[in-house]
Amino acid sequence: MATCLQSIAVKTREIIEPTRIRHAALSEIGDHALHDATPVRANAPSTWPADKRGVLLQAIRALSKPTDEAIVLQGLARQGLGDLAAREDRCTLCGACARLCPVSALHIQATHRLYFGATRCTQCGLCIDACPEDALSTHDRFPLDDACRPIHERDQLAHCARCGEAFSTQRLVDKSIALLETLPSFEAGRADLLRMCPACRQLESVG
């Protein structure tokens, strides 16, 4: 982590260039002594996090000038800091990635959008392995922002055939039905249940 912080300190002058999205290619920097770096700001935090990852993030923030612009760093993949992208033409918002994420970096809101928090993500790759649609990919760019942001906007919603309530995305319902219809044991007409919300599906099954 010390080498990483040294590189960040040396590269700070390039991080603060007046571009809309600033890139700091830390991987291009060799081993430099921290005392060789130009001081940029002395308002270090009075308290530091207890974990190493928190200390690293705090140090990066301390070495970055306050700005309204987004700060994006590169070259931190080996430190477990990176970005995640979702292909909207493949993602069905099934939620497998969010359920398996060990640090809760991914979640799906009630609005049926997939949200990602880069500062939580450790780039372990479990979400990529879990995705049945091969829709996720990691990128060597780290947005220094605590806020979770949507990486997949809402698809067309599927409305329950019985009560009319939106309960899933149309793409996920259609794909589930298509997969089940390939099974010899799947009964014709049972696909109608998949077009219902869980509550109505249960009522229909027992009724």
N, C-alpha and C. Protein backbone atom coordinates (compact mmCIF):
# COMPACT_ATOMS: atom_id res chain seq x y z
N MET A 1 0.83 -1.20 0.00
CA MET A 1 0.00 0.00 0.00
C MET A 1 0.86 1.25 0.00
N ALA A 2 2.08 1.16 0.63
CA ALA A 2 2.95 2.33 0.68
C ALA A 2 3.38 2.75 -0.71
N THR A 3 3.74 1.76 -1.56
CA THR A 3 4.12 2.08 -2.94
C THR A 3 2.99 2.75 -3.69
N CYS A 4 1.76 2.25 -3.46
CA CYS A 4 0.59 2.83 -4.12
C CYS A 4 0.39 4.29 -3.71
N LEU A 5 0.55 4.59 -2.40
CA LEU A 5 0.37 5.95 -1.92
C LEU A 5 1.46 6.87 -2.46
N GLN A 6 2.69 6.34 -2.58
CA GLN A 6 3.77 7.13 -3.14
C GLN A 6 3.44 7.52 -4.58
N SER A 7 2.95 6.54 -5.35
CA SER A 7 2.60 6.81 -6.74
C SER A 7 1.50 7.84 -6.84
N ILE A 8 0.51 7.72 -5.97
CA ILE A 8 -0.61 8.67 -5.98
C ILE A 8 -0.10 10.07 -5.69
N ALA A 9 0.81 10.20 -4.71
CA ALA A 9 1.33 11.52 -4.35
C ALA A 9 2.09 12.15 -5.50
N VAL A 10 2.89 11.36 -6.20
CA VAL A 10 3.67 11.88 -7.31
C VAL A 10 2.76 12.30 -8.46
N LYS A 11 1.68 11.59 -8.66
CA LYS A 11 0.81 11.81 -9.81
C LYS A 11 -0.28 12.83 -9.53
N THR A 12 -0.32 13.40 -8.34
CA THR A 12 -1.42 14.27 -7.96
C THR A 12 -1.57 15.45 -8.90
N ARG A 13 -0.46 16.03 -9.36
CA ARG A 13 -0.55 17.20 -10.23
C ARG A 13 -1.28 16.88 -11.53
N GLU A 14 -1.18 15.61 -11.96
CA GLU A 14 -1.90 15.23 -13.17
C GLU A 14 -3.36 14.90 -12.86
N ILE A 15 -3.63 14.47 -11.64
CA ILE A 15 -5.02 14.18 -11.26
C ILE A 15 -5.85 15.46 -11.30
N ILE A 16 -5.25 16.57 -10.96
CA ILE A 16 -6.01 17.81 -10.83
C ILE A 16 -5.98 18.65 -12.11
N GLU A 17 -5.63 18.07 -13.22
CA GLU A 17 -5.72 18.80 -14.48
C GLU A 17 -7.17 19.17 -14.74
N PRO A 18 -7.43 20.33 -15.37
CA PRO A 18 -8.82 20.80 -15.56
C PRO A 18 -9.54 20.08 -16.68
N THR A 19 -9.69 18.79 -16.55
CA THR A 19 -10.48 18.03 -17.51
C THR A 19 -11.73 17.56 -16.81
N ARG A 20 -12.74 17.24 -17.59
CA ARG A 20 -14.03 16.86 -17.00
C ARG A 20 -13.90 15.58 -16.20
N ILE A 21 -13.28 14.58 -16.76
CA ILE A 21 -13.00 13.34 -16.05
C ILE A 21 -11.49 13.18 -16.05
N ARG A 22 -10.87 13.25 -14.86
CA ARG A 22 -9.42 13.22 -14.77
C ARG A 22 -8.94 11.79 -14.59
N HIS A 23 -7.88 11.41 -15.33
CA HIS A 23 -7.32 10.07 -15.24
C HIS A 23 -5.90 10.15 -14.67
N ALA A 24 -5.60 9.29 -13.75
CA ALA A 24 -4.26 9.21 -13.20
C ALA A 24 -3.73 7.81 -13.48
N ALA A 25 -2.86 7.68 -14.47
CA ALA A 25 -2.35 6.37 -14.85
C ALA A 25 -1.22 6.00 -13.91
N LEU A 26 -1.58 5.50 -12.74
CA LEU A 26 -0.59 5.21 -11.70
C LEU A 26 0.36 4.09 -12.10
N SER A 27 -0.10 3.21 -12.99
CA SER A 27 0.74 2.08 -13.38
C SER A 27 1.95 2.53 -14.18
N GLU A 28 1.94 3.75 -14.73
CA GLU A 28 3.06 4.23 -15.53
C GLU A 28 4.18 4.81 -14.67
N ILE A 29 3.96 4.92 -13.36
CA ILE A 29 4.92 5.54 -12.47
C ILE A 29 5.82 4.48 -11.86
N GLY A 30 7.10 4.74 -11.80
CA GLY A 30 8.02 3.81 -11.17
C GLY A 30 8.05 4.03 -9.67
N ASP A 31 9.03 3.47 -9.03
CA ASP A 31 9.17 3.63 -7.58
C ASP A 31 9.78 4.99 -7.28
N HIS A 32 9.03 5.85 -6.63
CA HIS A 32 9.50 7.17 -6.23
C HIS A 32 9.38 7.29 -4.72
N ALA A 33 10.26 8.04 -4.14
CA ALA A 33 10.18 8.29 -2.70
C ALA A 33 9.08 9.30 -2.44
N LEU A 34 8.38 9.12 -1.33
CA LEU A 34 7.28 10.01 -1.01
C LEU A 34 7.76 11.44 -0.81
N HIS A 35 9.00 11.61 -0.27
CA HIS A 35 9.47 12.97 -0.02
C HIS A 35 9.84 13.71 -1.29
N ASP A 36 9.91 12.99 -2.43
CA ASP A 36 10.19 13.65 -3.70
C ASP A 36 8.95 14.27 -4.30
N ALA A 37 7.77 13.92 -3.78
CA ALA A 37 6.52 14.42 -4.35
C ALA A 37 6.28 15.86 -3.90
N THR A 38 5.64 16.61 -4.77
CA THR A 38 5.30 17.99 -4.45
C THR A 38 4.10 18.02 -3.51
N PRO A 39 4.20 18.63 -2.33
CA PRO A 39 3.03 18.69 -1.43
C PRO A 39 1.90 19.44 -2.10
N VAL A 40 0.69 18.92 -1.95
CA VAL A 40 -0.45 19.55 -2.59
C VAL A 40 -1.49 20.05 -1.60
N ARG A 41 -1.52 19.48 -0.41
CA ARG A 41 -2.54 19.87 0.54
C ARG A 41 -2.21 19.29 1.91
N ALA A 42 -2.41 20.03 2.94
CA ALA A 42 -2.00 19.60 4.27
C ALA A 42 -3.18 19.36 5.19
N ASN A 43 -4.39 19.27 4.64
CA ASN A 43 -5.55 19.07 5.50
C ASN A 43 -5.86 17.58 5.63
N ALA A 44 -4.93 16.84 6.21
CA ALA A 44 -5.13 15.41 6.43
C ALA A 44 -6.24 15.20 7.45
N PRO A 45 -6.98 14.09 7.34
CA PRO A 45 -8.07 13.85 8.28
C PRO A 45 -7.55 13.63 9.69
N SER A 46 -8.33 14.03 10.67
CA SER A 46 -7.92 13.88 12.06
C SER A 46 -8.03 12.45 12.54
N THR A 47 -8.92 11.69 11.94
CA THR A 47 -9.08 10.28 12.28
C THR A 47 -8.98 9.45 11.01
N TRP A 48 -8.45 8.24 11.15
CA TRP A 48 -8.28 7.35 10.01
C TRP A 48 -9.08 6.08 10.24
N PRO A 49 -9.57 5.45 9.18
CA PRO A 49 -10.29 4.19 9.32
C PRO A 49 -9.39 3.10 9.89
N ALA A 50 -9.99 2.08 10.46
CA ALA A 50 -9.22 1.00 11.07
C ALA A 50 -8.73 0.00 10.04
N ASP A 51 -9.38 -0.10 8.89
CA ASP A 51 -8.99 -1.08 7.88
C ASP A 51 -8.08 -0.46 6.83
N LYS A 52 -7.26 -1.30 6.19
CA LYS A 52 -6.29 -0.81 5.21
C LYS A 52 -6.97 -0.18 3.99
N ARG A 53 -8.06 -0.78 3.58
CA ARG A 53 -8.77 -0.24 2.41
C ARG A 53 -9.30 1.16 2.71
N GLY A 54 -9.85 1.32 3.90
CA GLY A 54 -10.35 2.64 4.27
C GLY A 54 -9.25 3.68 4.34
N VAL A 55 -8.08 3.28 4.83
CA VAL A 55 -6.94 4.20 4.89
C VAL A 55 -6.51 4.61 3.49
N LEU A 56 -6.46 3.65 2.57
CA LEU A 56 -6.06 3.95 1.20
C LEU A 56 -7.02 4.94 0.55
N LEU A 57 -8.33 4.70 0.70
CA LEU A 57 -9.32 5.61 0.12
C LEU A 57 -9.23 6.99 0.75
N GLN A 58 -9.02 7.04 2.06
CA GLN A 58 -8.89 8.32 2.74
C GLN A 58 -7.67 9.08 2.26
N ALA A 59 -6.57 8.35 2.02
CA ALA A 59 -5.35 8.99 1.55
C ALA A 59 -5.53 9.55 0.14
N ILE A 60 -6.22 8.80 -0.71
CA ILE A 60 -6.46 9.29 -2.07
C ILE A 60 -7.28 10.57 -2.04
N ARG A 61 -8.28 10.60 -1.17
CA ARG A 61 -9.11 11.80 -1.06
C ARG A 61 -8.29 12.98 -0.52
N ALA A 62 -7.40 12.70 0.43
CA ALA A 62 -6.60 13.77 1.01
C ALA A 62 -5.62 14.35 0.00
N LEU A 63 -5.20 13.55 -0.98
CA LEU A 63 -4.25 14.01 -1.98
C LEU A 63 -4.94 14.62 -3.20
N SER A 64 -6.26 14.66 -3.19
CA SER A 64 -7.02 15.21 -4.31
C SER A 64 -7.65 16.52 -3.89
N LYS A 65 -7.55 17.52 -4.71
CA LYS A 65 -8.14 18.80 -4.41
C LYS A 65 -9.66 18.73 -4.44
N PRO A 66 -10.35 19.44 -3.56
CA PRO A 66 -11.81 19.45 -3.60
C PRO A 66 -12.31 20.03 -4.91
N THR A 67 -13.26 19.37 -5.52
CA THR A 67 -13.77 19.79 -6.81
C THR A 67 -15.16 19.24 -7.01
N ASP A 68 -15.91 19.87 -7.89
CA ASP A 68 -17.24 19.37 -8.24
C ASP A 68 -17.17 18.34 -9.35
N GLU A 69 -16.00 18.20 -9.95
CA GLU A 69 -15.85 17.27 -11.06
C GLU A 69 -15.58 15.86 -10.54
N ALA A 70 -15.91 14.89 -11.38
CA ALA A 70 -15.68 13.50 -11.01
C ALA A 70 -14.20 13.17 -11.13
N ILE A 71 -13.68 12.44 -10.16
CA ILE A 71 -12.29 12.01 -10.19
C ILE A 71 -12.27 10.52 -10.51
N VAL A 72 -11.54 10.16 -11.55
CA VAL A 72 -11.44 8.77 -11.97
C VAL A 72 -9.96 8.40 -12.01
N LEU A 73 -9.58 7.36 -11.28
CA LEU A 73 -8.20 6.92 -11.23
C LEU A 73 -8.04 5.64 -12.02
N GLN A 74 -6.81 5.42 -12.51
CA GLN A 74 -6.48 4.20 -13.23
C GLN A 74 -5.23 3.59 -12.60
N GLY A 75 -5.06 2.29 -12.82
CA GLY A 75 -3.86 1.61 -12.35
C GLY A 75 -3.96 1.06 -10.94
N LEU A 76 -5.17 0.94 -10.40
CA LEU A 76 -5.34 0.46 -9.03
C LEU A 76 -5.97 -0.93 -8.97
N ALA A 77 -6.00 -1.63 -10.08
CA ALA A 77 -6.67 -2.93 -10.12
C ALA A 77 -6.01 -3.92 -9.15
N ARG A 78 -4.69 -3.87 -9.02
CA ARG A 78 -3.99 -4.80 -8.13
C ARG A 78 -4.31 -4.52 -6.67
N GLN A 79 -4.77 -3.31 -6.37
CA GLN A 79 -5.18 -2.98 -5.01
C GLN A 79 -6.67 -3.27 -4.78
N GLY A 80 -7.31 -3.91 -5.75
CA GLY A 80 -8.72 -4.25 -5.61
C GLY A 80 -9.65 -3.08 -5.79
N LEU A 81 -9.21 -2.06 -6.54
CA LEU A 81 -10.04 -0.88 -6.80
C LEU A 81 -10.29 -0.79 -8.29
N GLY A 82 -11.55 -0.83 -8.68
CA GLY A 82 -11.87 -0.77 -10.10
C GLY A 82 -13.35 -0.47 -10.31
N ASP A 83 -13.76 -0.55 -11.56
CA ASP A 83 -15.13 -0.23 -11.93
C ASP A 83 -15.81 -1.46 -12.49
N LEU A 84 -17.11 -1.41 -12.56
CA LEU A 84 -17.91 -2.51 -13.09
C LEU A 84 -18.92 -1.96 -14.09
N ALA A 85 -19.11 -2.67 -15.17
CA ALA A 85 -20.06 -2.25 -16.20
C ALA A 85 -20.99 -3.41 -16.52
N ALA A 86 -22.21 -3.07 -16.90
CA ALA A 86 -23.21 -4.08 -17.28
C ALA A 86 -23.69 -3.81 -18.69
N ARG A 87 -23.79 -4.86 -19.49
CA ARG A 87 -24.31 -4.73 -20.85
C ARG A 87 -25.83 -4.75 -20.80
N GLU A 88 -26.42 -3.65 -21.18
CA GLU A 88 -27.87 -3.54 -21.08
C GLU A 88 -28.59 -4.46 -22.06
N ASP A 89 -27.90 -4.88 -23.12
CA ASP A 89 -28.54 -5.78 -24.07
C ASP A 89 -28.55 -7.23 -23.58
N ARG A 90 -27.83 -7.50 -22.47
CA ARG A 90 -27.79 -8.85 -21.93
C ARG A 90 -28.40 -8.96 -20.55
N CYS A 91 -28.17 -7.96 -19.71
CA CYS A 91 -28.63 -8.02 -18.31
C CYS A 91 -30.16 -8.10 -18.23
N THR A 92 -30.65 -9.05 -17.43
CA THR A 92 -32.09 -9.20 -17.23
C THR A 92 -32.51 -8.74 -15.83
N LEU A 93 -31.55 -8.21 -15.06
CA LEU A 93 -31.83 -7.78 -13.68
C LEU A 93 -32.35 -8.94 -12.83
N CYS A 94 -31.74 -10.11 -13.00
CA CYS A 94 -32.17 -11.28 -12.23
C CYS A 94 -31.75 -11.17 -10.77
N GLY A 95 -30.69 -10.39 -10.50
CA GLY A 95 -30.26 -10.18 -9.12
C GLY A 95 -29.24 -11.17 -8.60
N ALA A 96 -28.76 -12.09 -9.45
CA ALA A 96 -27.78 -13.09 -8.99
C ALA A 96 -26.50 -12.42 -8.51
N CYS A 97 -26.06 -11.39 -9.20
CA CYS A 97 -24.82 -10.71 -8.82
C CYS A 97 -24.96 -10.02 -7.47
N ALA A 98 -26.09 -9.36 -7.25
CA ALA A 98 -26.31 -8.65 -5.99
C ALA A 98 -26.42 -9.61 -4.82
N ARG A 99 -27.03 -10.76 -5.03
CA ARG A 99 -27.19 -11.72 -3.94
C ARG A 99 -25.86 -12.35 -3.52
N LEU A 100 -24.94 -12.51 -4.46
CA LEU A 100 -23.67 -13.17 -4.16
C LEU A 100 -22.56 -12.21 -3.76
N CYS A 101 -22.73 -10.93 -3.96
CA CYS A 101 -21.67 -9.98 -3.64
C CYS A 101 -21.38 -10.00 -2.14
N PRO A 102 -20.14 -10.32 -1.74
CA PRO A 102 -19.84 -10.43 -0.30
C PRO A 102 -19.71 -9.10 0.41
N VAL A 103 -19.62 -7.99 -0.33
CA VAL A 103 -19.45 -6.67 0.30
C VAL A 103 -20.61 -5.73 -0.01
N SER A 104 -21.68 -6.26 -0.56
CA SER A 104 -22.88 -5.47 -0.87
C SER A 104 -22.58 -4.27 -1.77
N ALA A 105 -21.71 -4.49 -2.75
CA ALA A 105 -21.39 -3.42 -3.70
C ALA A 105 -22.43 -3.31 -4.80
N LEU A 106 -23.28 -4.32 -4.93
CA LEU A 106 -24.33 -4.33 -5.95
C LEU A 106 -25.68 -4.50 -5.27
N HIS A 107 -26.67 -3.78 -5.75
CA HIS A 107 -28.02 -3.99 -5.26
C HIS A 107 -29.02 -3.51 -6.29
N ILE A 108 -30.20 -4.11 -6.25
CA ILE A 108 -31.28 -3.75 -7.16
C ILE A 108 -32.37 -3.07 -6.35
N GLN A 109 -32.70 -1.87 -6.73
CA GLN A 109 -33.74 -1.14 -6.01
C GLN A 109 -35.12 -1.55 -6.51
N ALA A 110 -36.12 -1.07 -5.80
CA ALA A 110 -37.50 -1.37 -6.18
C ALA A 110 -37.85 -0.80 -7.55
N THR A 111 -37.05 0.17 -8.01
CA THR A 111 -37.26 0.75 -9.33
C THR A 111 -36.70 -0.12 -10.45
N HIS A 112 -36.18 -1.32 -10.07
CA HIS A 112 -35.61 -2.26 -11.04
C HIS A 112 -34.44 -1.63 -11.80
N ARG A 113 -33.51 -1.09 -11.03
CA ARG A 113 -32.23 -0.61 -11.57
C ARG A 113 -31.11 -1.29 -10.79
N LEU A 114 -30.03 -1.62 -11.49
CA LEU A 114 -28.88 -2.24 -10.85
C LEU A 114 -27.90 -1.14 -10.46
N TYR A 115 -27.58 -1.06 -9.17
CA TYR A 115 -26.69 -0.03 -8.65
C TYR A 115 -25.36 -0.65 -8.22
N PHE A 116 -24.29 0.13 -8.39
CA PHE A 116 -22.94 -0.34 -8.06
C PHE A 116 -22.20 0.72 -7.27
N GLY A 117 -21.54 0.29 -6.18
CA GLY A 117 -20.72 1.19 -5.37
C GLY A 117 -19.26 0.82 -5.49
N ALA A 118 -18.47 1.64 -6.18
CA ALA A 118 -17.08 1.30 -6.46
C ALA A 118 -16.22 1.24 -5.22
N THR A 119 -16.50 2.09 -4.24
CA THR A 119 -15.65 2.10 -3.04
C THR A 119 -15.85 0.85 -2.19
N ARG A 120 -16.96 0.16 -2.36
CA ARG A 120 -17.19 -1.10 -1.64
C ARG A 120 -16.57 -2.29 -2.37
N CYS A 121 -16.55 -2.23 -3.69
CA CYS A 121 -16.14 -3.38 -4.51
C CYS A 121 -14.67 -3.71 -4.31
N THR A 122 -14.35 -5.00 -4.17
CA THR A 122 -12.97 -5.46 -4.04
C THR A 122 -12.47 -6.14 -5.30
N GLN A 123 -13.27 -6.12 -6.38
CA GLN A 123 -12.89 -6.73 -7.66
C GLN A 123 -12.62 -8.23 -7.52
N CYS A 124 -13.40 -8.90 -6.69
CA CYS A 124 -13.21 -10.34 -6.48
C CYS A 124 -13.67 -11.16 -7.68
N GLY A 125 -14.61 -10.64 -8.45
CA GLY A 125 -15.07 -11.33 -9.65
C GLY A 125 -16.21 -12.31 -9.45
N LEU A 126 -16.75 -12.41 -8.22
CA LEU A 126 -17.85 -13.35 -7.98
C LEU A 126 -19.08 -12.99 -8.80
N CYS A 127 -19.35 -11.70 -8.93
CA CYS A 127 -20.54 -11.28 -9.69
C CYS A 127 -20.43 -11.66 -11.16
N ILE A 128 -19.22 -11.57 -11.70
CA ILE A 128 -19.01 -11.92 -13.11
C ILE A 128 -19.24 -13.42 -13.32
N ASP A 129 -18.70 -14.22 -12.39
CA ASP A 129 -18.89 -15.68 -12.49
C ASP A 129 -20.34 -16.07 -12.29
N ALA A 130 -21.06 -15.32 -11.46
CA ALA A 130 -22.45 -15.67 -11.15
C ALA A 130 -23.44 -15.26 -12.22
N CYS A 131 -23.08 -14.28 -13.03
CA CYS A 131 -24.03 -13.75 -14.01
C CYS A 131 -24.35 -14.79 -15.08
N PRO A 132 -25.60 -15.21 -15.21
CA PRO A 132 -25.95 -16.22 -16.22
C PRO A 132 -25.96 -15.67 -17.64
N GLU A 133 -25.95 -14.35 -17.77
CA GLU A 133 -26.01 -13.74 -19.09
C GLU A 133 -24.66 -13.24 -19.58
N ASP A 134 -23.61 -13.42 -18.75
CA ASP A 134 -22.27 -12.91 -19.09
C ASP A 134 -22.35 -11.42 -19.44
N ALA A 135 -23.05 -10.68 -18.57
CA ALA A 135 -23.32 -9.27 -18.86
C ALA A 135 -22.40 -8.31 -18.12
N LEU A 136 -21.59 -8.79 -17.17
CA LEU A 136 -20.77 -7.91 -16.35
C LEU A 136 -19.31 -7.98 -16.74
N SER A 137 -18.62 -6.87 -16.58
CA SER A 137 -17.18 -6.81 -16.86
C SER A 137 -16.54 -5.76 -15.97
N THR A 138 -15.29 -6.03 -15.55
CA THR A 138 -14.55 -5.07 -14.73
C THR A 138 -13.68 -4.20 -15.62
N HIS A 139 -13.35 -3.00 -15.11
CA HIS A 139 -12.54 -2.05 -15.86
C HIS A 139 -11.54 -1.39 -14.92
N ASP A 140 -10.35 -1.15 -15.47
CA ASP A 140 -9.28 -0.53 -14.68
C ASP A 140 -9.47 0.97 -14.62
N ARG A 141 -10.52 1.38 -13.96
CA ARG A 141 -10.81 2.78 -13.71
C ARG A 141 -11.59 2.85 -12.41
N PHE A 142 -11.22 3.75 -11.53
CA PHE A 142 -11.83 3.79 -10.21
C PHE A 142 -12.43 5.16 -9.95
N PRO A 143 -13.76 5.28 -9.99
CA PRO A 143 -14.41 6.55 -9.69
C PRO A 143 -14.41 6.81 -8.18
N LEU A 144 -13.75 7.85 -7.77
CA LEU A 144 -13.61 8.15 -6.34
C LEU A 144 -14.87 8.84 -5.85
N ASP A 145 -15.90 8.05 -5.68
CA ASP A 145 -17.19 8.57 -5.26
C ASP A 145 -17.88 7.53 -4.41
N ASP A 146 -18.31 7.93 -3.21
CA ASP A 146 -18.97 6.99 -2.30
C ASP A 146 -20.38 6.63 -2.74
N ALA A 147 -20.97 7.45 -3.58
CA ALA A 147 -22.36 7.22 -3.97
C ALA A 147 -22.47 6.04 -4.93
N CYS A 148 -23.49 5.22 -4.71
CA CYS A 148 -23.79 4.15 -5.66
C CYS A 148 -24.44 4.76 -6.89
N ARG A 149 -24.12 4.22 -8.03
CA ARG A 149 -24.68 4.76 -9.27
C ARG A 149 -25.27 3.61 -10.09
N PRO A 150 -26.30 3.90 -10.88
CA PRO A 150 -26.90 2.83 -11.70
C PRO A 150 -25.97 2.44 -12.84
N ILE A 151 -25.74 1.16 -13.02
CA ILE A 151 -24.96 0.68 -14.16
C ILE A 151 -25.86 -0.04 -15.16
N HIS A 152 -27.12 -0.21 -14.79
CA HIS A 152 -28.11 -0.73 -15.74
C HIS A 152 -29.45 -0.10 -15.42
N GLU A 153 -29.95 0.68 -16.34
CA GLU A 153 -31.23 1.36 -16.12
C GLU A 153 -32.38 0.38 -16.27
N ARG A 154 -33.53 0.84 -15.89
CA ARG A 154 -34.71 -0.03 -15.83
C ARG A 154 -35.12 -0.53 -17.21
N ASP A 155 -35.39 -1.82 -17.30
CA ASP A 155 -35.96 -2.41 -18.50
C ASP A 155 -37.48 -2.19 -18.49
N GLN A 156 -38.11 -2.61 -19.55
CA GLN A 156 -39.57 -2.59 -19.57
C GLN A 156 -40.09 -3.52 -18.48
N LEU A 157 -40.99 -3.04 -17.68
CA LEU A 157 -41.49 -3.82 -16.55
C LEU A 157 -42.55 -4.82 -16.99
N ALA A 158 -42.56 -5.95 -16.29
CA ALA A 158 -43.58 -6.97 -16.52
C ALA A 158 -44.67 -6.78 -15.47
N HIS A 159 -45.90 -6.72 -15.91
CA HIS A 159 -47.03 -6.52 -15.00
C HIS A 159 -47.79 -7.83 -14.82
N CYS A 160 -48.21 -8.08 -13.61
CA CYS A 160 -48.90 -9.31 -13.28
C CYS A 160 -50.16 -9.46 -14.13
N ALA A 161 -50.33 -10.66 -14.70
CA ALA A 161 -51.49 -10.92 -15.56
C ALA A 161 -52.78 -10.97 -14.76
N ARG A 162 -52.68 -11.06 -13.44
CA ARG A 162 -53.88 -11.17 -12.61
C ARG A 162 -54.24 -9.85 -11.92
N CYS A 163 -53.27 -9.23 -11.24
CA CYS A 163 -53.57 -8.00 -10.49
C CYS A 163 -53.03 -6.74 -11.16
N GLY A 164 -52.16 -6.90 -12.15
CA GLY A 164 -51.63 -5.74 -12.86
C GLY A 164 -50.44 -5.07 -12.21
N GLU A 165 -49.97 -5.59 -11.08
CA GLU A 165 -48.84 -4.99 -10.37
C GLU A 165 -47.53 -5.33 -11.08
N ALA A 166 -46.63 -4.33 -11.20
CA ALA A 166 -45.31 -4.58 -11.78
C ALA A 166 -44.49 -5.40 -10.79
N PHE A 167 -43.89 -6.49 -11.24
CA PHE A 167 -43.18 -7.38 -10.33
C PHE A 167 -41.80 -7.79 -10.81
N SER A 168 -41.48 -7.57 -12.08
CA SER A 168 -40.18 -7.97 -12.61
C SER A 168 -39.95 -7.21 -13.91
N THR A 169 -38.90 -7.59 -14.62
CA THR A 169 -38.66 -7.01 -15.94
C THR A 169 -39.20 -7.97 -17.00
N GLN A 170 -39.66 -7.41 -18.09
CA GLN A 170 -40.24 -8.24 -19.14
C GLN A 170 -39.21 -9.17 -19.75
N ARG A 171 -37.98 -8.70 -19.83
CA ARG A 171 -36.92 -9.53 -20.41
C ARG A 171 -36.67 -10.78 -19.57
N LEU A 172 -36.67 -10.61 -18.25
CA LEU A 172 -36.43 -11.76 -17.37
C LEU A 172 -37.59 -12.75 -17.44
N VAL A 173 -38.82 -12.26 -17.47
CA VAL A 173 -39.98 -13.15 -17.56
C VAL A 173 -39.96 -13.92 -18.87
N ASP A 174 -39.72 -13.22 -19.97
CA ASP A 174 -39.72 -13.88 -21.28
C ASP A 174 -38.62 -14.94 -21.37
N LYS A 175 -37.43 -14.62 -20.83
CA LYS A 175 -36.33 -15.58 -20.90
C LYS A 175 -36.62 -16.79 -20.02
N SER A 176 -37.20 -16.58 -18.85
CA SER A 176 -37.52 -17.70 -17.96
C SER A 176 -38.52 -18.64 -18.62
N ILE A 177 -39.53 -18.07 -19.27
CA ILE A 177 -40.53 -18.90 -19.94
C ILE A 177 -39.90 -19.67 -21.09
N ALA A 178 -39.05 -19.00 -21.85
CA ALA A 178 -38.41 -19.65 -23.00
C ALA A 178 -37.53 -20.82 -22.56
N LEU A 179 -36.82 -20.67 -21.44
CA LEU A 179 -35.97 -21.75 -20.94
C LEU A 179 -36.80 -22.92 -20.43
N LEU A 180 -37.88 -22.63 -19.71
CA LEU A 180 -38.71 -23.70 -19.16
C LEU A 180 -39.45 -24.47 -20.26
N GLU A 181 -39.81 -23.80 -21.32
CA GLU A 181 -40.54 -24.47 -22.40
C GLU A 181 -39.67 -25.48 -23.15
N THR A 182 -38.35 -25.40 -22.96
CA THR A 182 -37.46 -26.39 -23.60
C THR A 182 -37.39 -27.69 -22.81
N LEU A 183 -37.91 -27.69 -21.59
CA LEU A 183 -37.87 -28.90 -20.75
C LEU A 183 -39.04 -29.82 -21.08
N PRO A 184 -38.79 -31.09 -21.28
CA PRO A 184 -39.88 -32.03 -21.61
C PRO A 184 -40.93 -32.12 -20.51
N SER A 185 -40.53 -31.90 -19.26
CA SER A 185 -41.47 -32.05 -18.15
C SER A 185 -42.33 -30.80 -17.92
N PHE A 186 -42.04 -29.76 -18.67
CA PHE A 186 -42.80 -28.52 -18.47
C PHE A 186 -44.19 -28.65 -19.10
N GLU A 187 -45.20 -28.41 -18.29
CA GLU A 187 -46.58 -28.58 -18.75
C GLU A 187 -47.04 -27.36 -19.53
N ALA A 188 -47.70 -27.62 -20.62
CA ALA A 188 -48.23 -26.52 -21.43
C ALA A 188 -49.26 -25.74 -20.62
N GLY A 189 -49.18 -24.45 -20.71
CA GLY A 189 -50.11 -23.60 -19.99
C GLY A 189 -49.59 -23.12 -18.65
N ARG A 190 -48.56 -23.79 -18.13
CA ARG A 190 -48.00 -23.38 -16.84
C ARG A 190 -47.22 -22.07 -16.97
N ALA A 191 -46.92 -21.68 -18.18
CA ALA A 191 -46.19 -20.43 -18.38
C ALA A 191 -47.00 -19.23 -17.90
N ASP A 192 -48.32 -19.39 -17.85
CA ASP A 192 -49.17 -18.29 -17.38
C ASP A 192 -48.85 -17.92 -15.93
N LEU A 193 -48.40 -18.89 -15.15
CA LEU A 193 -48.06 -18.61 -13.76
C LEU A 193 -46.86 -17.67 -13.66
N LEU A 194 -45.95 -17.82 -14.60
CA LEU A 194 -44.76 -16.98 -14.58
C LEU A 194 -45.07 -15.54 -14.99
N ARG A 195 -46.23 -15.33 -15.53
CA ARG A 195 -46.64 -13.97 -15.90
C ARG A 195 -47.40 -13.29 -14.76
N MET A 196 -47.41 -13.94 -13.60
CA MET A 196 -48.07 -13.38 -12.42
C MET A 196 -47.02 -13.01 -11.38
N CYS A 197 -47.39 -12.08 -10.50
CA CYS A 197 -46.52 -11.72 -9.38
C CYS A 197 -46.49 -12.89 -8.39
N PRO A 198 -45.51 -12.96 -7.48
CA PRO A 198 -45.43 -14.09 -6.55
C PRO A 198 -46.70 -14.31 -5.73
N ALA A 199 -47.34 -13.25 -5.29
CA ALA A 199 -48.54 -13.40 -4.47
C ALA A 199 -49.68 -14.03 -5.27
N CYS A 200 -49.91 -13.52 -6.46
CA CYS A 200 -50.99 -14.09 -7.30
C CYS A 200 -50.64 -15.48 -7.79
N ARG A 201 -49.36 -15.75 -8.00
CA ARG A 201 -48.93 -17.07 -8.43
C ARG A 201 -49.26 -18.10 -7.34
N GLN A 202 -49.05 -17.71 -6.10
CA GLN A 202 -49.35 -18.61 -5.00
C GLN A 202 -50.86 -18.87 -4.88
N LEU A 203 -51.64 -17.79 -5.02
CA LEU A 203 -53.09 -17.93 -4.95
C LEU A 203 -53.61 -18.81 -6.08
N GLU A 204 -53.05 -18.65 -7.26
CA GLU A 204 -53.48 -19.44 -8.41
C GLU A 204 -53.13 -20.91 -8.23
N SER A 205 -51.98 -21.17 -7.63
CA SER A 205 -51.52 -22.55 -7.47
C SER A 205 -52.38 -23.32 -6.47
N VAL A 206 -52.78 -22.66 -5.39
CA VAL A 206 -53.56 -23.35 -4.37
C VAL A 206 -55.06 -23.28 -4.66
N GLY A 207 -55.43 -22.39 -5.59
CA GLY A 207 -56.85 -22.24 -5.88
C GLY A 207 -57.30 -23.23 -6.92
